[in-house]
Protein backbone atom coordinates (compact mmCIF):
# COMPACT_ATOMS: atom_id res chain seq x y z
CA UNK A 1 10.24 3.68 -11.86
CA UNK A 2 9.08 1.14 -9.37
CA UNK A 3 6.54 3.33 -7.87
CA UNK A 4 4.78 4.43 -11.00
CA UNK A 5 2.09 1.21 -11.31
CA UNK A 6 1.12 2.06 -7.38
CA UNK A 7 1.01 5.56 -8.34
CA UNK A 8 -1.50 4.75 -11.18
CA UNK A 9 -3.78 2.79 -9.09
CA UNK A 10 -3.81 5.34 -6.66
CA UNK A 11 -4.71 8.05 -9.11
CA UNK A 12 -7.22 5.94 -10.10
CA UNK A 13 -8.81 5.92 -6.67
CA UNK A 14 -8.92 9.67 -6.53
CA UNK A 15 -10.47 9.57 -9.85
CA UNK A 16 -13.30 6.99 -9.05
CA UNK A 17 -14.68 9.30 -6.29
CA UNK A 18 -15.50 11.85 -8.77
CA UNK A 19 -16.85 9.11 -10.94
CA UNK A 20 -19.16 7.69 -8.41
CA UNK A 21 -20.26 10.63 -6.99
CA UNK A 22 -20.88 12.29 -10.40
CA UNK A 23 -22.94 9.07 -11.74
CA UNK A 24 -24.48 8.61 -8.83
CA UNK A 25 -26.64 11.93 -9.72
CA UNK A 26 -26.77 11.05 -13.25
CA UNK A 27 -28.55 7.71 -12.69
CA UNK A 28 -31.47 9.73 -10.99
CA UNK A 29 -32.39 10.80 -14.63
CA UNK A 30 -30.56 8.78 -17.18
CA UNK A 31 -30.83 4.89 -17.32
CA UNK A 32 -27.53 3.25 -16.92
CA UNK A 33 -27.46 1.02 -20.18
CA UNK A 34 -27.51 4.59 -21.98
CA UNK A 35 -24.44 5.71 -19.96
CA UNK A 36 -22.74 2.41 -20.82
CA UNK A 37 -22.97 3.05 -24.61
CA UNK A 38 -21.93 6.83 -24.00
CA UNK A 39 -19.09 5.61 -22.29
CA UNK A 40 -17.45 2.83 -23.77
CA UNK A 41 -18.40 2.94 -27.60
CA UNK A 42 -16.22 6.22 -28.00
CA UNK A 43 -13.73 5.13 -25.66
CA UNK A 44 -13.30 1.73 -27.31
CA UNK A 45 -12.82 3.39 -30.76
CA UNK A 46 -10.03 6.08 -29.29
CA UNK A 47 -8.25 3.06 -27.88
CA UNK A 48 -8.23 1.01 -30.84
CA UNK A 49 -6.87 3.93 -32.98
CA UNK A 50 -4.44 4.76 -30.19
CA UNK A 51 -3.46 1.14 -30.41
CA UNK A 52 -2.99 0.62 -34.17
CA UNK A 53 -0.62 3.99 -34.16
CA UNK A 54 1.24 3.06 -31.20
CA UNK A 55 1.40 -0.90 -31.24
CA UNK A 56 0.34 -1.99 -34.57
CA UNK A 57 2.23 -5.65 -34.00
CA UNK A 58 -0.21 -6.33 -30.96
CA UNK A 59 -3.51 -7.18 -33.57
CA UNK A 60 -2.01 -10.13 -35.54
CA UNK A 61 -1.71 -12.08 -32.21
CA UNK A 62 -5.10 -11.11 -30.59
CA UNK A 63 -6.48 -14.18 -32.56
CA UNK A 64 -4.48 -16.25 -30.18
CA UNK A 65 -5.71 -14.78 -27.18
CA UNK A 66 -9.54 -15.17 -27.80
CA UNK A 67 -10.23 -17.36 -25.08
CA UNK A 68 -8.85 -14.77 -22.82
CA UNK A 69 -10.43 -11.73 -24.76
CA UNK A 70 -13.77 -13.43 -24.47
CA UNK A 71 -13.50 -14.14 -20.62
CA UNK A 72 -12.22 -10.65 -19.87
CA UNK A 73 -15.02 -9.34 -21.75
CA UNK A 74 -17.83 -11.02 -20.06
CA UNK A 75 -16.33 -10.53 -16.68
CA UNK A 76 -15.74 -6.53 -17.46
CA UNK A 77 -19.69 -6.70 -18.61
CA UNK A 78 -20.80 -8.59 -15.60
CA UNK A 79 -18.88 -6.30 -13.33
CA UNK A 80 -19.77 -2.97 -14.61
CA UNK A 81 -23.69 -3.63 -15.39
CA UNK A 82 -23.73 -5.01 -11.75
CA UNK A 83 -21.77 -2.04 -10.54
CA UNK A 84 -24.01 0.75 -12.36
CA UNK A 85 -27.01 -0.96 -10.87
CA UNK A 86 -26.09 -0.59 -7.50
CA UNK A 87 -24.88 2.83 -8.19
CA UNK A 88 -28.24 3.83 -9.30
CA UNK A 89 -29.62 2.32 -5.94
CA UNK A 90 -27.33 2.94 -2.88
CA UNK A 91 -25.07 5.55 -1.45
CA UNK A 92 -21.70 5.81 -3.60
CA UNK A 93 -19.56 5.16 -0.69
CA UNK A 94 -21.19 2.01 -0.03
CA UNK A 95 -21.13 0.78 -3.53
CA UNK A 96 -17.55 1.28 -3.78
CA UNK A 97 -16.44 -0.47 -0.47
CA UNK A 98 -18.60 -3.35 -1.18
CA UNK A 99 -17.42 -3.44 -5.04
CA UNK A 100 -13.99 -2.81 -3.96
CA UNK A 101 -13.46 -4.70 -0.87
CA UNK A 102 -14.42 -7.89 -2.82
CA UNK A 103 -11.08 -7.62 -4.88
CA UNK A 104 -8.52 -8.70 -2.58
CA UNK A 105 -10.83 -11.61 -0.98
CA UNK A 106 -11.31 -12.79 -4.94
CA UNK A 107 -7.51 -13.12 -5.43
CA UNK A 108 -7.33 -14.74 -2.09
CA UNK A 109 -10.06 -17.28 -2.88
CA UNK A 110 -8.66 -18.34 -6.30
CA UNK A 111 -5.30 -18.69 -4.68
CA UNK A 112 -6.57 -21.01 -2.06
CA UNK A 113 -8.69 -22.73 -4.92
CA UNK A 114 -5.42 -23.23 -6.60
CA UNK A 115 -6.73 -21.27 -9.81
CA UNK A 116 -4.03 -18.85 -10.77
CA UNK A 117 -5.32 -16.59 -13.93
CA UNK A 118 -2.20 -14.56 -13.90
CA UNK A 119 0.53 -15.55 -11.38
CA UNK A 120 0.18 -16.50 -7.76
CA UNK A 121 -0.69 -14.87 -4.24
CA UNK A 122 0.39 -15.98 -1.30
CA UNK A 123 -0.66 -14.64 1.96
CA UNK A 124 0.44 -15.05 5.55
CA UNK A 125 -1.56 -15.96 8.84
CA UNK A 126 -1.30 -12.16 9.73
CA UNK A 127 -3.06 -11.27 6.38
CA UNK A 128 -5.61 -13.72 6.62
CA UNK A 129 -6.80 -12.27 9.84
CA UNK A 130 -6.52 -8.67 8.58
CA UNK A 131 -8.87 -10.12 5.57
CA UNK A 132 -11.16 -11.90 7.80
CA UNK A 133 -11.55 -8.29 9.54
CA UNK A 134 -12.37 -7.00 6.17
CA UNK A 135 -15.07 -9.62 5.56
CA UNK A 136 -16.27 -9.09 9.27
CA UNK A 137 -16.70 -5.12 8.11
CA UNK A 138 -18.16 -5.95 4.83
CA UNK A 139 -20.79 -7.92 6.38
CA UNK A 140 -21.36 -4.73 8.82
CA UNK A 141 -21.96 -2.50 5.61
CA UNK A 142 -24.71 -5.15 4.59
CA UNK A 143 -26.03 -4.31 8.10
CA UNK A 144 -25.90 -0.40 8.24
CA UNK A 145 -27.61 -0.36 4.49
CA UNK A 146 -30.26 -3.19 5.37
CA UNK A 147 -31.01 -1.46 8.71
CA UNK A 148 -31.57 1.65 7.03
CA UNK A 149 -28.74 3.73 8.44
CA UNK A 150 -26.94 4.73 5.26
CA UNK A 151 -26.85 8.10 4.10
CA UNK A 152 -29.65 7.51 1.30
CA UNK A 153 -33.04 5.76 1.42
CA UNK A 154 -32.11 1.71 1.38
CA UNK A 155 -35.63 0.41 0.49
CA UNK A 156 -35.20 -2.72 -2.01
CA UNK A 157 -31.30 -2.46 -1.64
CA UNK A 158 -31.00 -6.28 -1.06
CA UNK A 159 -30.69 -7.18 -4.82
CA UNK A 160 -28.15 -4.25 -5.29
CA UNK A 161 -25.95 -5.48 -2.46
CA UNK A 162 -25.72 -8.98 -3.64
CA UNK A 163 -24.92 -7.50 -7.08
CA UNK A 164 -22.24 -5.46 -5.69
CA UNK A 165 -20.66 -8.79 -4.56
CA UNK A 166 -20.68 -10.15 -8.19
CA UNK A 167 -19.30 -6.71 -9.44
CA UNK A 168 -16.34 -6.79 -7.17
CA UNK A 169 -15.51 -10.37 -7.94
CA UNK A 170 -16.00 -10.08 -11.76
CA UNK A 171 -14.02 -6.85 -12.39
CA UNK A 172 -11.42 -8.87 -10.10
CA UNK A 173 -11.14 -11.77 -12.45
CA UNK A 174 -11.31 -9.20 -15.33
CA UNK A 175 -7.91 -7.64 -14.29
CA UNK A 176 -6.34 -11.13 -13.54
CA UNK A 177 -7.00 -11.62 -17.34
CA UNK A 178 -6.00 -8.47 -18.59
CA UNK A 179 -3.03 -9.02 -16.58
CA UNK A 180 -2.51 -12.43 -18.40
CA UNK A 181 -2.60 -10.44 -21.64
CA UNK A 182 0.17 -8.02 -20.30
CA UNK A 183 2.25 -10.88 -19.53
CA UNK A 184 1.84 -12.02 -23.34
CA UNK A 185 3.26 -8.77 -24.45
CA UNK A 186 -0.21 -6.93 -25.37
CA UNK A 187 -0.10 -3.18 -24.40
CA UNK A 188 -2.67 -1.27 -22.34
CA UNK A 189 -4.43 0.55 -25.18
CA UNK A 190 -5.00 -2.64 -27.19
CA UNK A 191 -6.32 -4.45 -24.01
CA UNK A 192 -8.38 -1.55 -23.49
CA UNK A 193 -9.73 -1.17 -26.79
CA UNK A 194 -10.91 -4.94 -26.89
CA UNK A 195 -12.40 -5.23 -23.51
CA UNK A 196 -15.88 -3.82 -23.79
CA UNK A 197 -17.44 -5.34 -26.57
CA UNK A 198 -19.76 -7.68 -24.72
CA UNK A 199 -21.26 -5.21 -22.20
CA UNK A 200 -21.49 -2.85 -25.32
CA UNK A 201 -23.60 -5.24 -27.31
CA UNK A 202 -25.93 -6.06 -24.22
CA UNK A 203 -26.41 -2.78 -23.74
CA UNK A 204 -27.15 -2.05 -27.31
CA UNK A 205 -29.30 -4.96 -27.59
CA UNK A 206 -31.19 -3.77 -24.18
CA UNK A 207 -31.97 -0.35 -25.56
CA UNK A 208 -33.11 -1.57 -28.96
CA UNK A 209 -35.62 -3.85 -27.61
CA UNK A 210 -36.84 -0.91 -25.39
CA UNK A 211 -36.93 1.36 -28.23
CA UNK A 212 -35.08 4.61 -26.99
CA UNK A 213 -32.11 5.76 -24.97
CA UNK A 214 -33.83 6.74 -21.81
CA UNK A 215 -33.19 10.27 -19.85
CA UNK A 216 -31.27 11.71 -22.93
CA UNK A 217 -32.76 15.22 -23.74
CA UNK A 218 -30.88 15.80 -26.90
CA UNK A 219 -27.87 15.73 -28.62
CA UNK A 220 -26.11 18.32 -26.73
CA UNK A 221 -27.10 16.14 -23.46
CA UNK A 222 -25.72 13.25 -25.20
CA UNK A 223 -22.49 14.68 -26.01
CA UNK A 224 -22.00 16.24 -22.45
CA UNK A 225 -22.90 12.73 -21.01
CA UNK A 226 -20.58 10.99 -23.27
CA UNK A 227 -17.77 13.11 -22.75
CA UNK A 228 -18.07 13.18 -18.78
CA UNK A 229 -18.67 9.50 -18.62
CA UNK A 230 -15.84 8.79 -20.99
CA UNK A 231 -13.41 10.81 -19.08
CA UNK A 232 -14.67 9.47 -15.56
CA UNK A 233 -15.09 5.66 -16.65
CA UNK A 234 -12.81 4.78 -19.47
CA UNK A 235 -9.80 6.98 -18.98
CA UNK A 236 -9.40 6.16 -15.29
CA UNK A 237 -9.66 2.33 -16.30
CA UNK A 238 -6.63 2.72 -18.76
CA UNK A 239 -4.85 4.53 -15.77
CA UNK A 240 -5.70 1.36 -13.94
CA UNK A 241 -4.77 -0.65 -16.73
CA UNK A 242 -1.29 0.69 -16.49
CA UNK A 243 -0.89 0.36 -12.73
CA UNK A 244 -2.37 -3.08 -12.70
CA UNK A 245 0.19 -4.25 -15.41
CA UNK A 246 3.15 -2.93 -12.92
CA UNK A 247 1.73 -3.87 -9.74
CA UNK A 248 1.67 -7.02 -8.00
CA UNK A 249 -1.94 -8.22 -8.25
CA UNK A 250 -2.74 -8.52 -4.28
CA UNK A 251 -0.82 -5.04 -4.15
CA UNK A 252 -2.99 -3.54 -6.62
CA UNK A 253 -6.24 -4.54 -5.63
CA UNK A 254 -5.26 -3.52 -1.70
CA UNK A 255 -4.41 -0.15 -2.83
CA UNK A 256 -7.79 -0.10 -4.91
CA UNK A 257 -9.76 -1.05 -2.20
CA UNK A 258 -8.76 2.47 -0.70
CA UNK A 259 -11.39 4.17 -2.77
CA UNK A 260 -14.30 4.18 -0.32
CA UNK A 261 -12.21 6.69 1.70
CA UNK A 262 -12.20 9.06 -1.12
CA UNK A 263 -15.77 8.77 -2.50
CA UNK A 264 -17.06 9.38 1.38
CA UNK A 265 -15.37 12.69 1.47
CA UNK A 266 -16.66 14.04 -1.78
CA UNK A 267 -20.03 12.80 -1.62
CA UNK A 268 -20.56 14.93 1.38
CA UNK A 269 -21.16 17.45 -1.33
CA UNK A 270 -23.89 15.87 -2.69
CA UNK A 271 -27.10 17.09 -1.59
CA UNK A 272 -28.87 14.01 -1.97
CA UNK A 273 -26.98 12.31 0.81
CA UNK A 274 -26.90 12.60 4.51
CA UNK A 275 -24.10 11.89 6.53
CA UNK A 276 -23.91 8.51 7.97
CA UNK A 277 -21.78 7.95 11.01
CA UNK A 278 -22.45 3.90 10.79
CA UNK A 279 -21.13 4.25 6.90
CA UNK A 280 -18.30 6.38 7.92
CA UNK A 281 -17.28 3.89 10.92
CA UNK A 282 -17.49 0.83 8.63
CA UNK A 283 -15.37 2.40 5.99
CA UNK A 284 -12.65 3.52 8.54
CA UNK A 285 -12.63 0.00 9.96
CA UNK A 286 -12.54 -1.33 6.56
CA UNK A 287 -9.79 1.15 5.61
CA UNK A 288 -7.37 0.20 8.80
CA UNK A 289 -7.77 -3.70 7.85
CA UNK A 290 -6.92 -3.04 4.38
CA UNK A 291 -3.87 -0.90 5.30
CA UNK A 292 -2.62 -3.57 7.76
CA UNK A 293 -3.03 -6.27 5.11
CA UNK A 294 -1.07 -3.98 2.78
CA UNK A 295 1.62 -3.37 5.30
CA UNK A 296 2.01 -7.04 6.21
CA UNK A 297 2.18 -7.99 2.59
CA UNK A 298 4.92 -5.23 1.61
CA UNK A 299 6.77 -6.14 4.41
CA UNK A 300 6.96 -9.63 3.54
CA UNK A 301 7.75 -8.66 -0.14
């Protein structure tokens, strides 16, 4: 089914709206390092078991992919740590816009530099102008936040904004490495099982040094948070993994960049946030440029 991959990426966009609004509230009382452990340990165990049952032949070949797995782990860890830091400090729609918008730009920059992790992505002059508009719009998001016009207090937001650029670039490179593993014949469940070791280890060390899991009030609270985090983080990532493996890389990132629209709509139910027309304007402009780039790319393909 030709549309299966793009539909999976679109489903991920819808699910991440619920993820970001929910976690934006959770991070007001629970440290994001704790959420990392609650989300990624159970999901890694689940997908490892699923992979052993469904694709046992994948595992003997993992040793030959250790460089790709290590790079995928490091970039995944950097991406999610930076992203969660931003989500704890900024409006969810802003976080999602900056994180997602960097994706297509990262693919283009890698292609221009001649560094193809998983295939090549060529763009036309029209697409280049569309993506230039995206850059201007993302810069506009920075201006809105730093000017104090977003839907939440933006005091001390510069470090979070800078980390979101790293987050968007890192997760894009991580997906390209995972696509390389797909091209080598590994299944989505196997890749999902082995991609979170670095972030789990880093969070565990940080929490051990601190001496406690901040914000969790008891076992029941931890179970609820773990289940919610796994369903809203790990499962959608598996869905995205399925979509990315069956979709041209630039197209996948362009579709994924539509997520801010859904996040902005859902966050209006969050009592912490006020309606910000400047943020809405930036998201609409951003979406217009991304849609134009997507149509241009699809027409050429």
